[in-house]
Amino acid sequence: MRGRSGYAASKHALHGYFEPLRAEVRSIGIAVTLVRPGYIDTDLPLRALTGDGRSQGQRDGTHPRGMSPSACAARILESIERRREEVVIGGWETYAVSLKRLFPRLFARAISAYAPT
């Protein structure tokens, strides 16, 4: 999403860490579940930083329409109990995962035109 490159990079770093970790610990019975949350109704946008390091100080239009934190937590716990390797949690925005995998050029055009409201 535009304006969230640092946030997006940190999410990608988690994949880079947890994918090999999962392979390393599987033989000793440890499962790793990578959670990919979509829009969750939190105050994260209020605390997000702008390019000059100041707090954004306002909510964007996506998070209030997002899943409640308690519903998200329940889905995470269920996924861990089922030992799922990866889970995408959220609403309509989670379809972007499939769109990116199936139609990467279309996804790139669509996401570059999108601006948080």
N, C-alpha and C. Protein backbone atom coordinates (compact mmCIF):
# COMPACT_ATOMS: atom_id res chain seq x y z
N MET A 1 0.84 -1.16 0.00
CA MET A 1 0.00 0.00 0.00
C MET A 1 0.89 1.23 0.00
N ARG A 2 0.53 2.22 -0.77
CA ARG A 2 1.31 3.46 -0.82
C ARG A 2 1.37 4.07 0.57
N GLY A 3 2.53 4.61 0.91
CA GLY A 3 2.70 5.26 2.20
C GLY A 3 3.00 4.29 3.34
N ARG A 4 3.11 3.01 3.04
CA ARG A 4 3.36 2.02 4.08
C ARG A 4 4.51 1.09 3.70
N SER A 5 5.50 1.60 2.97
CA SER A 5 6.58 0.75 2.49
C SER A 5 7.38 0.14 3.63
N GLY A 6 7.66 0.90 4.68
CA GLY A 6 8.39 0.36 5.82
C GLY A 6 7.62 -0.75 6.51
N TYR A 7 6.34 -0.54 6.67
CA TYR A 7 5.47 -1.55 7.29
C TYR A 7 5.43 -2.81 6.43
N ALA A 8 5.29 -2.63 5.12
CA ALA A 8 5.25 -3.78 4.22
C ALA A 8 6.59 -4.52 4.23
N ALA A 9 7.68 -3.79 4.28
CA ALA A 9 9.00 -4.43 4.31
C ALA A 9 9.17 -5.26 5.57
N SER A 10 8.67 -4.77 6.69
CA SER A 10 8.81 -5.54 7.93
C SER A 10 8.00 -6.84 7.86
N LYS A 11 6.84 -6.80 7.19
CA LYS A 11 6.06 -8.03 7.03
C LYS A 11 6.81 -9.03 6.15
N HIS A 12 7.45 -8.56 5.11
CA HIS A 12 8.22 -9.45 4.24
C HIS A 12 9.42 -10.04 4.97
N ALA A 13 10.02 -9.25 5.85
CA ALA A 13 11.15 -9.76 6.64
C ALA A 13 10.72 -10.93 7.52
N LEU A 14 9.50 -10.90 8.01
CA LEU A 14 9.01 -12.01 8.82
C LEU A 14 8.96 -13.30 8.01
N HIS A 15 8.55 -13.21 6.77
CA HIS A 15 8.57 -14.40 5.89
C HIS A 15 10.00 -14.92 5.75
N GLY A 16 10.92 -14.01 5.52
CA GLY A 16 12.31 -14.41 5.34
C GLY A 16 12.90 -15.08 6.57
N TYR A 17 12.42 -14.73 7.73
CA TYR A 17 12.91 -15.34 8.96
C TYR A 17 12.19 -16.64 9.29
N PHE A 18 10.86 -16.62 9.24
CA PHE A 18 10.10 -17.77 9.72
C PHE A 18 10.04 -18.95 8.76
N GLU A 19 10.17 -18.74 7.47
CA GLU A 19 10.17 -19.86 6.53
C GLU A 19 11.34 -20.81 6.80
N PRO A 20 12.59 -20.32 6.87
CA PRO A 20 13.68 -21.24 7.17
C PRO A 20 13.64 -21.76 8.62
N LEU A 21 13.18 -20.92 9.54
CA LEU A 21 13.06 -21.38 10.93
C LEU A 21 12.13 -22.58 11.02
N ARG A 22 11.02 -22.53 10.30
CA ARG A 22 10.07 -23.65 10.29
C ARG A 22 10.77 -24.94 9.87
N ALA A 23 11.59 -24.85 8.82
CA ALA A 23 12.31 -26.03 8.35
C ALA A 23 13.33 -26.52 9.38
N GLU A 24 13.96 -25.60 10.09
CA GLU A 24 14.98 -25.96 11.06
C GLU A 24 14.41 -26.65 12.30
N VAL A 25 13.21 -26.28 12.74
CA VAL A 25 12.67 -26.79 14.00
C VAL A 25 11.61 -27.88 13.82
N ARG A 26 11.22 -28.14 12.61
CA ARG A 26 10.19 -29.16 12.37
C ARG A 26 10.59 -30.52 12.93
N SER A 27 11.83 -30.90 12.77
CA SER A 27 12.29 -32.23 13.20
C SER A 27 12.26 -32.40 14.72
N ILE A 28 12.19 -31.32 15.47
CA ILE A 28 12.11 -31.44 16.94
C ILE A 28 10.69 -31.16 17.44
N GLY A 29 9.73 -31.16 16.52
CA GLY A 29 8.33 -31.07 16.89
C GLY A 29 7.78 -29.67 17.12
N ILE A 30 8.51 -28.66 16.69
CA ILE A 30 8.03 -27.29 16.85
C ILE A 30 7.38 -26.84 15.54
N ALA A 31 6.16 -26.34 15.65
CA ALA A 31 5.45 -25.83 14.48
C ALA A 31 5.53 -24.31 14.47
N VAL A 32 5.60 -23.74 13.29
CA VAL A 32 5.63 -22.29 13.12
C VAL A 32 4.46 -21.90 12.24
N THR A 33 3.61 -21.02 12.75
CA THR A 33 2.48 -20.50 11.99
C THR A 33 2.76 -19.05 11.64
N LEU A 34 2.80 -18.76 10.36
CA LEU A 34 2.99 -17.38 9.90
C LEU A 34 1.62 -16.77 9.69
N VAL A 35 1.33 -15.70 10.40
CA VAL A 35 0.03 -15.04 10.33
C VAL A 35 0.16 -13.81 9.43
N ARG A 36 -0.74 -13.72 8.46
CA ARG A 36 -0.76 -12.59 7.53
C ARG A 36 -2.08 -11.84 7.71
N PRO A 37 -2.11 -10.90 8.64
CA PRO A 37 -3.37 -10.19 8.89
C PRO A 37 -3.65 -9.13 7.84
N GLY A 38 -4.92 -8.99 7.53
CA GLY A 38 -5.37 -7.90 6.67
C GLY A 38 -5.69 -6.71 7.57
N TYR A 39 -6.78 -6.05 7.28
CA TYR A 39 -7.17 -4.88 8.07
C TYR A 39 -7.82 -5.33 9.37
N ILE A 40 -7.21 -4.94 10.46
CA ILE A 40 -7.72 -5.23 11.79
C ILE A 40 -8.02 -3.88 12.43
N ASP A 41 -9.15 -3.76 13.08
CA ASP A 41 -9.61 -2.48 13.64
C ASP A 41 -8.81 -2.13 14.89
N THR A 42 -7.60 -1.59 14.67
CA THR A 42 -6.73 -1.18 15.75
C THR A 42 -6.35 0.29 15.57
N ASP A 43 -5.58 0.81 16.50
CA ASP A 43 -5.10 2.19 16.41
C ASP A 43 -3.74 2.29 15.73
N LEU A 44 -3.31 1.23 15.06
CA LEU A 44 -2.01 1.25 14.40
C LEU A 44 -1.82 2.47 13.50
N PRO A 45 -2.81 2.84 12.67
CA PRO A 45 -2.60 4.01 11.81
C PRO A 45 -2.35 5.30 12.59
N LEU A 46 -2.90 5.41 13.79
CA LEU A 46 -2.66 6.61 14.61
C LEU A 46 -1.20 6.73 14.97
N ARG A 47 -0.54 5.61 15.17
CA ARG A 47 0.84 5.60 15.62
C ARG A 47 1.85 5.43 14.48
N ALA A 48 1.34 5.20 13.27
CA ALA A 48 2.23 5.06 12.12
C ALA A 48 3.02 6.36 11.92
N LEU A 49 4.23 6.23 11.44
CA LEU A 49 5.08 7.39 11.24
C LEU A 49 5.03 7.86 9.79
N THR A 50 5.12 9.16 9.63
CA THR A 50 5.19 9.74 8.29
C THR A 50 6.65 9.71 7.83
N GLY A 51 6.90 10.18 6.62
CA GLY A 51 8.25 10.17 6.06
C GLY A 51 9.25 10.98 6.87
N ASP A 52 8.79 11.98 7.59
CA ASP A 52 9.72 12.79 8.39
C ASP A 52 9.80 12.32 9.85
N GLY A 53 9.19 11.16 10.15
CA GLY A 53 9.30 10.59 11.49
C GLY A 53 8.24 11.02 12.48
N ARG A 54 7.34 11.90 12.06
CA ARG A 54 6.26 12.31 12.96
C ARG A 54 5.14 11.29 12.93
N SER A 55 4.36 11.26 14.01
CA SER A 55 3.21 10.36 14.08
C SER A 55 2.15 10.81 13.08
N GLN A 56 1.55 9.84 12.40
CA GLN A 56 0.49 10.16 11.44
C GLN A 56 -0.68 10.83 12.15
N GLY A 57 -1.03 10.31 13.33
CA GLY A 57 -2.03 10.97 14.16
C GLY A 57 -3.47 10.89 13.67
N GLN A 58 -3.74 10.09 12.68
CA GLN A 58 -5.12 9.94 12.21
C GLN A 58 -5.33 8.54 11.69
N ARG A 59 -6.56 8.11 11.78
CA ARG A 59 -6.91 6.78 11.26
C ARG A 59 -7.20 6.89 9.77
N ASP A 60 -6.86 5.86 9.04
CA ASP A 60 -7.25 5.85 7.64
C ASP A 60 -8.58 5.11 7.52
N GLY A 61 -9.13 5.06 6.35
CA GLY A 61 -10.46 4.49 6.18
C GLY A 61 -10.53 2.98 6.20
N THR A 62 -9.39 2.31 6.17
CA THR A 62 -9.41 0.86 6.06
C THR A 62 -9.60 0.15 7.40
N HIS A 63 -8.95 0.61 8.43
CA HIS A 63 -8.94 -0.10 9.70
C HIS A 63 -10.30 -0.14 10.41
N PRO A 64 -11.07 0.93 10.45
CA PRO A 64 -12.39 0.83 11.10
C PRO A 64 -13.31 -0.20 10.45
N ARG A 65 -13.08 -0.49 9.17
CA ARG A 65 -13.88 -1.50 8.47
C ARG A 65 -13.28 -2.89 8.64
N GLY A 66 -12.17 -2.98 9.36
CA GLY A 66 -11.46 -4.24 9.50
C GLY A 66 -12.07 -5.16 10.55
N MET A 67 -11.48 -6.33 10.64
CA MET A 67 -11.90 -7.35 11.60
C MET A 67 -11.58 -6.86 13.02
N SER A 68 -12.38 -7.28 13.97
CA SER A 68 -12.11 -6.90 15.36
C SER A 68 -10.87 -7.64 15.85
N PRO A 69 -10.12 -7.03 16.76
CA PRO A 69 -8.94 -7.72 17.31
C PRO A 69 -9.29 -9.06 17.96
N SER A 70 -10.43 -9.14 18.64
CA SER A 70 -10.79 -10.41 19.30
C SER A 70 -11.09 -11.50 18.27
N ALA A 71 -11.75 -11.16 17.17
CA ALA A 71 -12.02 -12.15 16.12
C ALA A 71 -10.71 -12.58 15.46
N CYS A 72 -9.81 -11.64 15.27
CA CYS A 72 -8.50 -11.96 14.69
C CYS A 72 -7.74 -12.90 15.62
N ALA A 73 -7.73 -12.60 16.91
CA ALA A 73 -7.02 -13.45 17.88
C ALA A 73 -7.59 -14.86 17.89
N ALA A 74 -8.91 -14.98 17.80
CA ALA A 74 -9.54 -16.31 17.78
C ALA A 74 -9.09 -17.10 16.55
N ARG A 75 -9.02 -16.44 15.40
CA ARG A 75 -8.55 -17.11 14.17
C ARG A 75 -7.09 -17.52 14.28
N ILE A 76 -6.28 -16.66 14.91
CA ILE A 76 -4.87 -16.99 15.08
C ILE A 76 -4.72 -18.22 15.97
N LEU A 77 -5.42 -18.23 17.10
CA LEU A 77 -5.34 -19.38 18.01
C LEU A 77 -5.80 -20.67 17.33
N GLU A 78 -6.87 -20.60 16.58
CA GLU A 78 -7.37 -21.77 15.86
C GLU A 78 -6.32 -22.27 14.86
N SER A 79 -5.67 -21.36 14.18
CA SER A 79 -4.66 -21.73 13.20
C SER A 79 -3.45 -22.38 13.86
N ILE A 80 -3.05 -21.86 15.02
CA ILE A 80 -1.92 -22.44 15.75
C ILE A 80 -2.28 -23.84 16.24
N GLU A 81 -3.49 -23.97 16.77
CA GLU A 81 -3.93 -25.29 17.25
C GLU A 81 -3.95 -26.32 16.13
N ARG A 82 -4.30 -25.89 14.94
CA ARG A 82 -4.33 -26.80 13.78
C ARG A 82 -2.97 -26.96 13.12
N ARG A 83 -1.98 -26.27 13.67
CA ARG A 83 -0.60 -26.33 13.17
C ARG A 83 -0.51 -25.93 11.69
N ARG A 84 -1.28 -24.93 11.33
CA ARG A 84 -1.22 -24.43 9.95
C ARG A 84 0.09 -23.69 9.74
N GLU A 85 0.66 -23.84 8.58
CA GLU A 85 1.93 -23.16 8.30
C GLU A 85 1.74 -21.68 8.06
N GLU A 86 0.63 -21.32 7.44
CA GLU A 86 0.37 -19.92 7.11
C GLU A 86 -1.12 -19.68 7.11
N VAL A 87 -1.52 -18.51 7.57
CA VAL A 87 -2.93 -18.16 7.57
C VAL A 87 -3.07 -16.68 7.19
N VAL A 88 -4.00 -16.41 6.29
CA VAL A 88 -4.33 -15.04 5.89
C VAL A 88 -5.66 -14.71 6.57
N ILE A 89 -5.66 -13.67 7.38
CA ILE A 89 -6.83 -13.33 8.18
C ILE A 89 -7.30 -11.92 7.83
N GLY A 90 -8.58 -11.77 7.66
CA GLY A 90 -9.14 -10.45 7.38
C GLY A 90 -10.42 -10.58 6.59
N GLY A 91 -10.72 -9.55 5.84
CA GLY A 91 -11.93 -9.51 5.04
C GLY A 91 -11.61 -9.51 3.56
N TRP A 92 -12.30 -8.66 2.83
CA TRP A 92 -12.17 -8.60 1.37
C TRP A 92 -10.73 -8.37 0.92
N GLU A 93 -9.96 -7.66 1.72
CA GLU A 93 -8.60 -7.31 1.32
C GLU A 93 -7.69 -8.54 1.19
N THR A 94 -8.07 -9.65 1.80
CA THR A 94 -7.23 -10.85 1.71
C THR A 94 -7.24 -11.45 0.31
N TYR A 95 -8.20 -11.07 -0.52
CA TYR A 95 -8.22 -11.54 -1.90
C TYR A 95 -7.02 -11.01 -2.69
N ALA A 96 -6.40 -9.95 -2.18
CA ALA A 96 -5.23 -9.39 -2.85
C ALA A 96 -4.08 -10.40 -2.90
N VAL A 97 -4.01 -11.30 -1.92
CA VAL A 97 -2.96 -12.32 -1.90
C VAL A 97 -3.07 -13.20 -3.14
N SER A 98 -4.27 -13.68 -3.43
CA SER A 98 -4.48 -14.52 -4.62
C SER A 98 -4.30 -13.72 -5.89
N LEU A 99 -4.78 -12.49 -5.90
CA LEU A 99 -4.64 -11.63 -7.08
C LEU A 99 -3.17 -11.43 -7.42
N LYS A 100 -2.35 -11.18 -6.40
CA LYS A 100 -0.92 -10.98 -6.64
C LYS A 100 -0.26 -12.24 -7.18
N ARG A 101 -0.64 -13.39 -6.66
CA ARG A 101 -0.03 -14.65 -7.13
C ARG A 101 -0.46 -15.01 -8.54
N LEU A 102 -1.74 -14.78 -8.86
CA LEU A 102 -2.27 -15.19 -10.16
C LEU A 102 -2.05 -14.15 -11.26
N PHE A 103 -2.15 -12.87 -10.89
CA PHE A 103 -2.06 -11.78 -11.87
C PHE A 103 -1.15 -10.67 -11.34
N PRO A 104 0.15 -10.91 -11.25
CA PRO A 104 1.05 -9.95 -10.62
C PRO A 104 1.07 -8.57 -11.28
N ARG A 105 0.97 -8.51 -12.60
CA ARG A 105 1.00 -7.20 -13.27
C ARG A 105 -0.28 -6.42 -12.98
N LEU A 106 -1.41 -7.10 -12.99
CA LEU A 106 -2.68 -6.45 -12.66
C LEU A 106 -2.64 -5.95 -11.21
N PHE A 107 -2.13 -6.77 -10.32
CA PHE A 107 -2.01 -6.38 -8.92
C PHE A 107 -1.13 -5.13 -8.77
N ALA A 108 0.00 -5.12 -9.45
CA ALA A 108 0.93 -3.98 -9.36
C ALA A 108 0.26 -2.69 -9.81
N ARG A 109 -0.50 -2.75 -10.88
CA ARG A 109 -1.20 -1.54 -11.35
C ARG A 109 -2.27 -1.12 -10.36
N ALA A 110 -3.03 -2.10 -9.85
CA ALA A 110 -4.12 -1.78 -8.94
C ALA A 110 -3.60 -1.19 -7.63
N ILE A 111 -2.56 -1.77 -7.07
CA ILE A 111 -2.06 -1.31 -5.77
C ILE A 111 -1.38 0.05 -5.89
N SER A 112 -0.74 0.34 -7.03
CA SER A 112 -0.09 1.64 -7.17
C SER A 112 -1.12 2.75 -7.34
N ALA A 113 -2.32 2.42 -7.79
CA ALA A 113 -3.37 3.42 -7.94
C ALA A 113 -4.13 3.65 -6.63
N TYR A 114 -4.00 2.70 -5.69
CA TYR A 114 -4.75 2.78 -4.44
C TYR A 114 -4.02 3.68 -3.45
N ALA A 115 -4.76 4.53 -2.80
CA ALA A 115 -4.21 5.37 -1.72
C ALA A 115 -5.09 5.21 -0.51
N PRO A 116 -4.50 5.03 0.67
CA PRO A 116 -5.32 4.90 1.88
C PRO A 116 -6.18 6.14 2.08
N THR A 117 -7.41 5.91 2.54
CA THR A 117 -8.32 7.04 2.78
C THR A 117 -8.61 7.19 4.24
